[in-house]
């Protein structure tokens, strides 16, 4: 899977040090963005929570928007890394789909606050940077499209191949719904009940 990333300029050339410092920034920023939101968080606060000076922070990024992009990319990276192994499972496409849906919903539950950061704060990114973030969304959705096509090819999923992309997006939205509507859904369903009901609903559309 291609992984076009926005290049964030750095005054430091040591790639290992860049990775380390940016990971520290991301961890600090996620905590602050969850607590205060993007706009109320300052780069000085991010630097302090990460354990270094504001001057050091600006050796690795150019703006607070760069930090937000790095946060979004890190969240997408974790999502992708936890979903990708499903494509290597030696099972039918239908079985792989059930596994992928379950894993997605469990990840959404585990990363609720981080997922909200993307959807609440990504609009603050410059247009060109937002394109990178939305492209990552497309890449993750494409994992489900690949699983669906695997099932169509092996005969375990009965649907028009042209509908695979739409169904992949539907699955992503159902996963995100657990995040956005959890205040209502969690009153009526446990996570396991929600997963089972949505899997049943999805499978009814591809039988």
Foldseek 3Di string as FASTA:
>chain_A
DDQDADDFDALDDPPVVLVVLLVLLLVLVLVCCLVPNLVVDDCQSSQVSSPHGSVNVCRNGPGSLVSLLSNLVVLLVVLCVQQVVLVVDPDALLVSLLVNLLSLLVSCVVCLSSVVNCVVPLVVHPPVSSVSSVVSVLVSLVSQLVSQVRNVVVVNWADDNVCSSVLSVVSNVLSCCCSVVVVPVVVPDDSVRSSVVVSVVSRVVTD
